[in-house]
Amino acid sequence: MTDCGCDKAQKDLEEYLRNEVCNTRHADITEHLENCAACRDEALVATTLTAVVARACKEAAPEDLRDQVLARLRAEQATHH
């Protein structure tokens, strides 16, 4: 059984989605994704997950929660010194 390139494409998928692969490999993966629905679906899941995480990272904790966490950390540090 010959591999249709899925193993190679999936191995490099994360770097591909962050544009961290060389142009030659980028073109190979792009071509593979155009012809392989399974890998294309995996790329879509990875892209969606990355976008959701990026959005979540932009959200800030409420100011009072932040103050409570900092106060607790300071108290813990004071008891361990």
PDB file of N, CA and C in Angstrom:
ATOM      1  N   MET A   1       0.854  -1.195   0.000  1.00  0.00           N
ATOM      2  CA  MET A   1       0.000   0.000   0.000  1.00  0.00           C
ATOM      3  C   MET A   1       0.887   1.240   0.000  1.00  0.00           C
ATOM      4  N   THR A   2       0.613   2.157  -0.889  1.00  0.00           N
ATOM      5  CA  THR A   2       1.413   3.375  -0.961  1.00  0.00           C
ATOM      6  C   THR A   2       0.683   4.507  -0.259  1.00  0.00           C
ATOM      7  N   ASP A   3       1.475   5.363   0.353  1.00  0.00           N
ATOM      8  CA  ASP A   3       0.918   6.511   1.064  1.00  0.00           C
ATOM      9  C   ASP A   3       0.616   7.608   0.051  1.00  0.00           C
ATOM     10  N   CYS A   4      -0.556   8.204   0.141  1.00  0.00           N
ATOM     11  CA  CYS A   4      -0.932   9.264  -0.802  1.00  0.00           C
ATOM     12  C   CYS A   4      -0.328  10.607  -0.405  1.00  0.00           C
ATOM     13  N   GLY A   5       0.524  10.601   0.622  1.00  0.00           N
ATOM     14  CA  GLY A   5       1.142  11.844   1.084  1.00  0.00           C
ATOM     15  C   GLY A   5       0.527  12.359   2.371  1.00  0.00           C
ATOM     16  N   CYS A   6      -0.467  11.637   2.902  1.00  0.00           N
ATOM     17  CA  CYS A   6      -1.151  12.087   4.120  1.00  0.00           C
ATOM     18  C   CYS A   6      -0.197  12.174   5.303  1.00  0.00           C
ATOM     19  N   ASP A   7       0.653  11.145   5.478  1.00  0.00           N
ATOM     20  CA  ASP A   7       1.574  11.149   6.613  1.00  0.00           C
ATOM     21  C   ASP A   7       2.471  12.380   6.572  1.00  0.00           C
ATOM     22  N   LYS A   8       3.023  12.643   5.402  1.00  0.00           N
ATOM     23  CA  LYS A   8       3.920  13.800   5.252  1.00  0.00           C
ATOM     24  C   LYS A   8       3.157  15.112   5.454  1.00  0.00           C
ATOM     25  N   ALA A   9       1.996  15.230   4.859  1.00  0.00           N
ATOM     26  CA  ALA A   9       1.212  16.464   4.974  1.00  0.00           C
ATOM     27  C   ALA A   9       0.798  16.699   6.425  1.00  0.00           C
ATOM     28  N   GLN A  10       0.363  15.645   7.118  1.00  0.00           N
ATOM     29  CA  GLN A  10      -0.077  15.808   8.498  1.00  0.00           C
ATOM     30  C   GLN A  10       1.090  16.122   9.429  1.00  0.00           C
ATOM     31  N   LYS A  11       2.266  15.573   9.128  1.00  0.00           N
ATOM     32  CA  LYS A  11       3.445  15.835   9.946  1.00  0.00           C
ATOM     33  C   LYS A  11       3.812  17.322   9.883  1.00  0.00           C
ATOM     34  N   ASP A  12       3.629  17.931   8.709  1.00  0.00           N
ATOM     35  CA  ASP A  12       4.014  19.328   8.512  1.00  0.00           C
ATOM     36  C   ASP A  12       2.845  20.301   8.609  1.00  0.00           C
ATOM     37  N   LEU A  13       1.657  19.795   8.934  1.00  0.00           N
ATOM     38  CA  LEU A  13       0.452  20.624   8.886  1.00  0.00           C
ATOM     39  C   LEU A  13       0.524  21.841   9.812  1.00  0.00           C
ATOM     40  N   GLU A  14       0.989  21.642  11.033  1.00  0.00           N
ATOM     41  CA  GLU A  14       1.042  22.751  11.979  1.00  0.00           C
ATOM     42  C   GLU A  14       1.949  23.874  11.470  1.00  0.00           C
ATOM     43  N   GLU A  15       3.133  23.503  10.984  1.00  0.00           N
ATOM     44  CA  GLU A  15       4.050  24.501  10.434  1.00  0.00           C
ATOM     45  C   GLU A  15       3.452  25.153   9.186  1.00  0.00           C
ATOM     46  N   TYR A  16       2.781  24.343   8.372  1.00  0.00           N
ATOM     47  CA  TYR A  16       2.135  24.856   7.158  1.00  0.00           C
ATOM     48  C   TYR A  16       1.106  25.929   7.507  1.00  0.00           C
ATOM     49  N   LEU A  17       0.280  25.651   8.507  1.00  0.00           N
ATOM     50  CA  LEU A  17      -0.776  26.597   8.873  1.00  0.00           C
ATOM     51  C   LEU A  17      -0.207  27.881   9.467  1.00  0.00           C
ATOM     52  N   ARG A  18       1.019  27.828  10.000  1.00  0.00           N
ATOM     53  CA  ARG A  18       1.670  29.027  10.533  1.00  0.00           C
ATOM     54  C   ARG A  18       2.631  29.637   9.516  1.00  0.00           C
ATOM     55  N   ASN A  19       2.593  29.129   8.277  1.00  0.00           N
ATOM     56  CA  ASN A  19       3.478  29.590   7.201  1.00  0.00           C
ATOM     57  C   ASN A  19       4.945  29.471   7.586  1.00  0.00           C
ATOM     58  N   GLU A  20       5.316  28.342   8.199  1.00  0.00           N
ATOM     59  CA  GLU A  20       6.687  28.120   8.640  1.00  0.00           C
ATOM     60  C   GLU A  20       7.395  27.041   7.835  1.00  0.00           C
ATOM     61  N   VAL A  21       6.856  26.662   6.680  1.00  0.00           N
ATOM     62  CA  VAL A  21       7.525  25.670   5.842  1.00  0.00           C
ATOM     63  C   VAL A  21       8.072  26.380   4.607  1.00  0.00           C
ATOM     64  N   CYS A  22       9.103  25.797   4.007  1.00  0.00           N
ATOM     65  CA  CYS A  22       9.690  26.406   2.810  1.00  0.00           C
ATOM     66  C   CYS A  22       8.678  26.375   1.666  1.00  0.00           C
ATOM     67  N   ASN A  23       8.912  27.188   0.671  1.00  0.00           N
ATOM     68  CA  ASN A  23       7.952  27.314  -0.438  1.00  0.00           C
ATOM     69  C   ASN A  23       7.688  25.995  -1.148  1.00  0.00           C
ATOM     70  N   THR A  24       8.713  25.167  -1.318  1.00  0.00           N
ATOM     71  CA  THR A  24       8.533  23.887  -2.002  1.00  0.00           C
ATOM     72  C   THR A  24       7.593  22.988  -1.224  1.00  0.00           C
ATOM     73  N   ARG A  25       7.863  22.835   0.085  1.00  0.00           N
ATOM     74  CA  ARG A  25       6.993  22.001   0.912  1.00  0.00           C
ATOM     75  C   ARG A  25       5.601  22.608   1.002  1.00  0.00           C
ATOM     76  N   HIS A  26       5.510  23.948   1.063  1.00  0.00           N
ATOM     77  CA  HIS A  26       4.214  24.631   1.129  1.00  0.00           C
ATOM     78  C   HIS A  26       3.368  24.273  -0.088  1.00  0.00           C
ATOM     79  N   ALA A  27       3.979  24.322  -1.262  1.00  0.00           N
ATOM     80  CA  ALA A  27       3.251  24.001  -2.493  1.00  0.00           C
ATOM     81  C   ALA A  27       2.798  22.541  -2.488  1.00  0.00           C
ATOM     82  N   ASP A  28       3.672  21.639  -2.005  1.00  0.00           N
ATOM     83  CA  ASP A  28       3.308  20.224  -1.948  1.00  0.00           C
ATOM     84  C   ASP A  28       2.123  19.997  -1.022  1.00  0.00           C
ATOM     85  N   ILE A  29       2.147  20.633   0.126  1.00  0.00           N
ATOM     86  CA  ILE A  29       1.056  20.444   1.089  1.00  0.00           C
ATOM     87  C   ILE A  29      -0.227  21.072   0.558  1.00  0.00           C
ATOM     88  N   THR A  30      -0.117  22.261  -0.041  1.00  0.00           N
ATOM     89  CA  THR A  30      -1.293  22.914  -0.631  1.00  0.00           C
ATOM     90  C   THR A  30      -1.939  21.997  -1.669  1.00  0.00           C
ATOM     91  N   GLU A  31      -1.111  21.412  -2.524  1.00  0.00           N
ATOM     92  CA  GLU A  31      -1.635  20.511  -3.557  1.00  0.00           C
ATOM     93  C   GLU A  31      -2.287  19.287  -2.914  1.00  0.00           C
ATOM     94  N   HIS A  32      -1.642  18.746  -1.887  1.00  0.00           N
ATOM     95  CA  HIS A  32      -2.220  17.576  -1.213  1.00  0.00           C
ATOM     96  C   HIS A  32      -3.580  17.922  -0.597  1.00  0.00           C
ATOM     97  N   LEU A  33      -3.667  19.075   0.060  1.00  0.00           N
ATOM     98  CA  LEU A  33      -4.931  19.467   0.693  1.00  0.00           C
ATOM     99  C   LEU A  33      -6.038  19.670  -0.336  1.00  0.00           C
ATOM    100  N   GLU A  34      -5.663  20.128  -1.532  1.00  0.00           N
ATOM    101  CA  GLU A  34      -6.664  20.321  -2.587  1.00  0.00           C
ATOM    102  C   GLU A  34      -7.243  18.991  -3.063  1.00  0.00           C
ATOM    103  N   ASN A  35      -6.455  17.917  -2.906  1.00  0.00           N
ATOM    104  CA  ASN A  35      -6.870  16.619  -3.435  1.00  0.00           C
ATOM    105  C   ASN A  35      -7.242  15.595  -2.371  1.00  0.00           C
ATOM    106  N   CYS A  36      -7.132  15.954  -1.101  1.00  0.00           N
ATOM    107  CA  CYS A  36      -7.404  14.983  -0.036  1.00  0.00           C
ATOM    108  C   CYS A  36      -8.381  15.591   0.973  1.00  0.00           C
ATOM    109  N   ALA A  37      -9.612  15.130   0.934  1.00  0.00           N
ATOM    110  CA  ALA A  37     -10.650  15.682   1.815  1.00  0.00           C
ATOM    111  C   ALA A  37     -10.342  15.433   3.284  1.00  0.00           C
ATOM    112  N   ALA A  38      -9.775  14.276   3.622  1.00  0.00           N
ATOM    113  CA  ALA A  38      -9.492  13.960   5.026  1.00  0.00           C
ATOM    114  C   ALA A  38      -8.470  14.935   5.611  1.00  0.00           C
ATOM    115  N   CYS A  39      -7.395  15.198   4.878  1.00  0.00           N
ATOM    116  CA  CYS A  39      -6.376  16.137   5.367  1.00  0.00           C
ATOM    117  C   CYS A  39      -6.912  17.571   5.354  1.00  0.00           C
ATOM    118  N   ARG A  40      -7.733  17.884   4.374  1.00  0.00           N
ATOM    119  CA  ARG A  40      -8.340  19.213   4.311  1.00  0.00           C
ATOM    120  C   ARG A  40      -9.230  19.438   5.524  1.00  0.00           C
ATOM    121  N   ASP A  41      -9.987  18.410   5.913  1.00  0.00           N
ATOM    122  CA  ASP A  41     -10.829  18.499   7.110  1.00  0.00           C
ATOM    123  C   ASP A  41      -9.975  18.688   8.360  1.00  0.00           C
ATOM    124  N   GLU A  42      -8.866  17.966   8.429  1.00  0.00           N
ATOM    125  CA  GLU A  42      -7.973  18.107   9.582  1.00  0.00           C
ATOM    126  C   GLU A  42      -7.389  19.518   9.642  1.00  0.00           C
ATOM    127  N   ALA A  43      -7.044  20.065   8.478  1.00  0.00           N
ATOM    128  CA  ALA A  43      -6.518  21.432   8.433  1.00  0.00           C
ATOM    129  C   ALA A  43      -7.582  22.431   8.885  1.00  0.00           C
ATOM    130  N   LEU A  44      -8.827  22.196   8.508  1.00  0.00           N
ATOM    131  CA  LEU A  44      -9.920  23.075   8.919  1.00  0.00           C
ATOM    132  C   LEU A  44     -10.120  23.024  10.425  1.00  0.00           C
ATOM    133  N   VAL A  45     -10.064  21.836  10.998  1.00  0.00           N
ATOM    134  CA  VAL A  45     -10.193  21.695  12.453  1.00  0.00           C
ATOM    135  C   VAL A  45      -9.059  22.439  13.148  1.00  0.00           C
ATOM    136  N   ALA A  46      -7.837  22.263  12.663  1.00  0.00           N
ATOM    137  CA  ALA A  46      -6.683  22.928  13.271  1.00  0.00           C
ATOM    138  C   ALA A  46      -6.798  24.437  13.161  1.00  0.00           C
ATOM    139  N   THR A  47      -7.223  24.935  12.005  1.00  0.00           N
ATOM    140  CA  THR A  47      -7.385  26.375  11.800  1.00  0.00           C
ATOM    141  C   THR A  47      -8.464  26.938  12.720  1.00  0.00           C
ATOM    142  N   THR A  48      -9.580  26.229  12.824  1.00  0.00           N
ATOM    143  CA  THR A  48     -10.677  26.659  13.692  1.00  0.00           C
ATOM    144  C   THR A  48     -10.242  26.672  15.148  1.00  0.00           C
ATOM    145  N   LEU A  49      -9.556  25.616  15.577  1.00  0.00           N
ATOM    146  CA  LEU A  49      -9.080  25.535  16.949  1.00  0.00           C
ATOM    147  C   LEU A  49      -8.107  26.678  17.259  1.00  0.00           C
ATOM    148  N   THR A  50      -7.201  26.952  16.344  1.00  0.00           N
ATOM    149  CA  THR A  50      -6.239  28.041  16.524  1.00  0.00           C
ATOM    150  C   THR A  50      -6.958  29.378  16.660  1.00  0.00           C
ATOM    151  N   ALA A  51      -7.978  29.605  15.841  1.00  0.00           N
ATOM    152  CA  ALA A  51      -8.733  30.858  15.903  1.00  0.00           C
ATOM    153  C   ALA A  51      -9.475  30.992  17.231  1.00  0.00           C
ATOM    154  N   VAL A  52     -10.068  29.896  17.707  1.00  0.00           N
ATOM    155  CA  VAL A  52     -10.798  29.922  18.980  1.00  0.00           C
ATOM    156  C   VAL A  52      -9.843  30.221  20.136  1.00  0.00           C
ATOM    157  N   VAL A  53      -8.687  29.561  20.143  1.00  0.00           N
ATOM    158  CA  VAL A  53      -7.706  29.797  21.198  1.00  0.00           C
ATOM    159  C   VAL A  53      -7.205  31.239  21.146  1.00  0.00           C
ATOM    160  N   ALA A  54      -6.920  31.741  19.958  1.00  0.00           N
ATOM    161  CA  ALA A  54      -6.447  33.124  19.818  1.00  0.00           C
ATOM    162  C   ALA A  54      -7.484  34.114  20.341  1.00  0.00           C
ATOM    163  N   ARG A  55      -8.758  33.852  20.039  1.00  0.00           N
ATOM    164  CA  ARG A  55      -9.831  34.724  20.525  1.00  0.00           C
ATOM    165  C   ARG A  55      -9.910  34.677  22.043  1.00  0.00           C
ATOM    166  N   ALA A  56      -9.799  33.477  22.600  1.00  0.00           N
ATOM    167  CA  ALA A  56      -9.884  33.316  24.057  1.00  0.00           C
ATOM    168  C   ALA A  56      -8.719  34.013  24.753  1.00  0.00           C
ATOM    169  N   CYS A  57      -7.557  34.004  24.130  1.00  0.00           N
ATOM    170  CA  CYS A  57      -6.376  34.634  24.737  1.00  0.00           C
ATOM    171  C   CYS A  57      -6.499  36.156  24.786  1.00  0.00           C
ATOM    172  N   LYS A  58      -7.351  36.713  23.952  1.00  0.00           N
ATOM    173  CA  LYS A  58      -7.534  38.165  23.942  1.00  0.00           C
ATOM    174  C   LYS A  58      -8.473  38.634  25.039  1.00  0.00           C
ATOM    175  N   GLU A  59      -9.230  37.692  25.592  1.00  0.00           N
ATOM    176  CA  GLU A  59     -10.171  38.052  26.646  1.00  0.00           C
ATOM    177  C   GLU A  59      -9.418  38.225  27.959  1.00  0.00           C
ATOM    178  N   ALA A  60      -9.812  39.200  28.734  1.00  0.00           N
ATOM    179  CA  ALA A  60      -9.154  39.468  30.010  1.00  0.00           C
ATOM    180  C   ALA A  60     -10.076  39.046  31.163  1.00  0.00           C
ATOM    181  N   ALA A  61      -9.448  38.633  32.244  1.00  0.00           N
ATOM    182  CA  ALA A  61     -10.221  38.291  33.439  1.00  0.00           C
ATOM    183  C   ALA A  61     -10.786  39.567  34.042  1.00  0.00           C
ATOM    184  N   PRO A  62     -11.931  39.493  34.711  1.00  0.00           N
ATOM    185  CA  PRO A  62     -12.471  40.671  35.394  1.00  0.00           C
ATOM    186  C   PRO A  62     -11.442  41.213  36.391  1.00  0.00           C
ATOM    187  N   GLU A  63     -11.407  42.511  36.543  1.00  0.00           N
ATOM    188  CA  GLU A  63     -10.419  43.177  37.391  1.00  0.00           C
ATOM    189  C   GLU A  63     -10.414  42.635  38.819  1.00  0.00           C
ATOM    190  N   ASP A  64     -11.602  42.396  39.388  1.00  0.00           N
ATOM    191  CA  ASP A  64     -11.642  41.897  40.770  1.00  0.00           C
ATOM    192  C   ASP A  64     -11.069  40.485  40.886  1.00  0.00           C
ATOM    193  N   LEU A  65     -11.283  39.647  39.879  1.00  0.00           N
ATOM    194  CA  LEU A  65     -10.706  38.306  39.887  1.00  0.00           C
ATOM    195  C   LEU A  65      -9.184  38.397  39.790  1.00  0.00           C
ATOM    196  N   ARG A  66      -8.711  39.253  38.934  1.00  0.00           N
ATOM    197  CA  ARG A  66      -7.269  39.455  38.797  1.00  0.00           C
ATOM    198  C   ARG A  66      -6.664  39.895  40.131  1.00  0.00           C
ATOM    199  N   ASP A  67      -7.293  40.831  40.799  1.00  0.00           N
ATOM    200  CA  ASP A  67      -6.802  41.323  42.092  1.00  0.00           C
ATOM    201  C   ASP A  67      -6.794  40.205  43.136  1.00  0.00           C
ATOM    202  N   GLN A  68      -7.841  39.359  43.140  1.00  0.00           N
ATOM    203  CA  GLN A  68      -7.911  38.247  44.097  1.00  0.00           C
ATOM    204  C   GLN A  68      -6.785  37.247  43.854  1.00  0.00           C
ATOM    205  N   VAL A  69      -6.527  36.947  42.596  1.00  0.00           N
ATOM    206  CA  VAL A  69      -5.470  35.992  42.262  1.00  0.00           C
ATOM    207  C   VAL A  69      -4.107  36.558  42.673  1.00  0.00           C
ATOM    208  N   LEU A  70      -3.858  37.814  42.347  1.00  0.00           N
ATOM    209  CA  LEU A  70      -2.585  38.433  42.728  1.00  0.00           C
ATOM    210  C   LEU A  70      -2.411  38.480  44.243  1.00  0.00           C
ATOM    211  N   ALA A  71      -3.465  38.803  44.972  1.00  0.00           N
ATOM    212  CA  ALA A  71      -3.390  38.849  46.433  1.00  0.00           C
ATOM    213  C   ALA A  71      -3.080  37.456  46.985  1.00  0.00           C
ATOM    214  N   ARG A  72      -3.704  36.438  46.429  1.00  0.00           N
ATOM    215  CA  ARG A  72      -3.464  35.061  46.886  1.00  0.00           C
ATOM    216  C   ARG A  72      -2.026  34.639  46.600  1.00  0.00           C
ATOM    217  N   LEU A  73      -1.518  35.009  45.415  1.00  0.00           N
ATOM    218  CA  LEU A  73      -0.134  34.681  45.074  1.00  0.00           C
ATOM    219  C   LEU A  73       0.842  35.365  46.023  1.00  0.00           C
ATOM    220  N   ARG A  74       0.577  36.627  46.305  1.00  0.00           N
ATOM    221  CA  ARG A  74       1.455  37.363  47.229  1.00  0.00           C
ATOM    222  C   ARG A  74       1.423  36.731  48.624  1.00  0.00           C
ATOM    223  N   ALA A  75       0.249  36.323  49.073  1.00  0.00           N
ATOM    224  CA  ALA A  75       0.121  35.694  50.381  1.00  0.00           C
ATOM    225  C   ALA A  75       0.884  34.365  50.419  1.00  0.00           C
ATOM    226  N   GLU A  76       0.782  33.588  49.361  1.00  0.00           N
ATOM    227  CA  GLU A  76       1.493  32.306  49.286  1.00  0.00           C
ATOM    228  C   GLU A  76       2.999  32.529  49.278  1.00  0.00           C
ATOM    229  N   GLN A  77       3.444  33.533  48.520  1.00  0.00           N
ATOM    230  CA  GLN A  77       4.882  33.831  48.472  1.00  0.00           C
ATOM    231  C   GLN A  77       5.388  34.281  49.850  1.00  0.00           C
ATOM    232  N   ALA A  78       4.606  35.054  50.539  1.00  0.00           N
ATOM    233  CA  ALA A  78       5.018  35.564  51.856  1.00  0.00           C
ATOM    234  C   ALA A  78       5.152  34.432  52.870  1.00  0.00           C
ATOM    235  N   THR A  79       4.309  33.417  52.774  1.00  0.00           N
ATOM    236  CA  THR A  79       4.372  32.312  53.742  1.00  0.00           C
ATOM    237  C   THR A  79       5.510  31.340  53.429  1.00  0.00           C
ATOM    238  N   HIS A  80       6.031  31.362  52.222  1.00  0.00           N
ATOM    239  CA  HIS A  80       7.096  30.435  51.840  1.00  0.00           C
ATOM    240  C   HIS A  80       8.466  31.060  51.853  1.00  0.00           C
ATOM    241  N   HIS A  81       8.599  32.300  52.281  1.00  0.00           N
ATOM    242  CA  HIS A  81       9.915  32.946  52.297  1.00  0.00           C
ATOM    243  C   HIS A  81      10.498  32.957  53.665  1.00  0.00           C
TER     244      HIS A  81
END
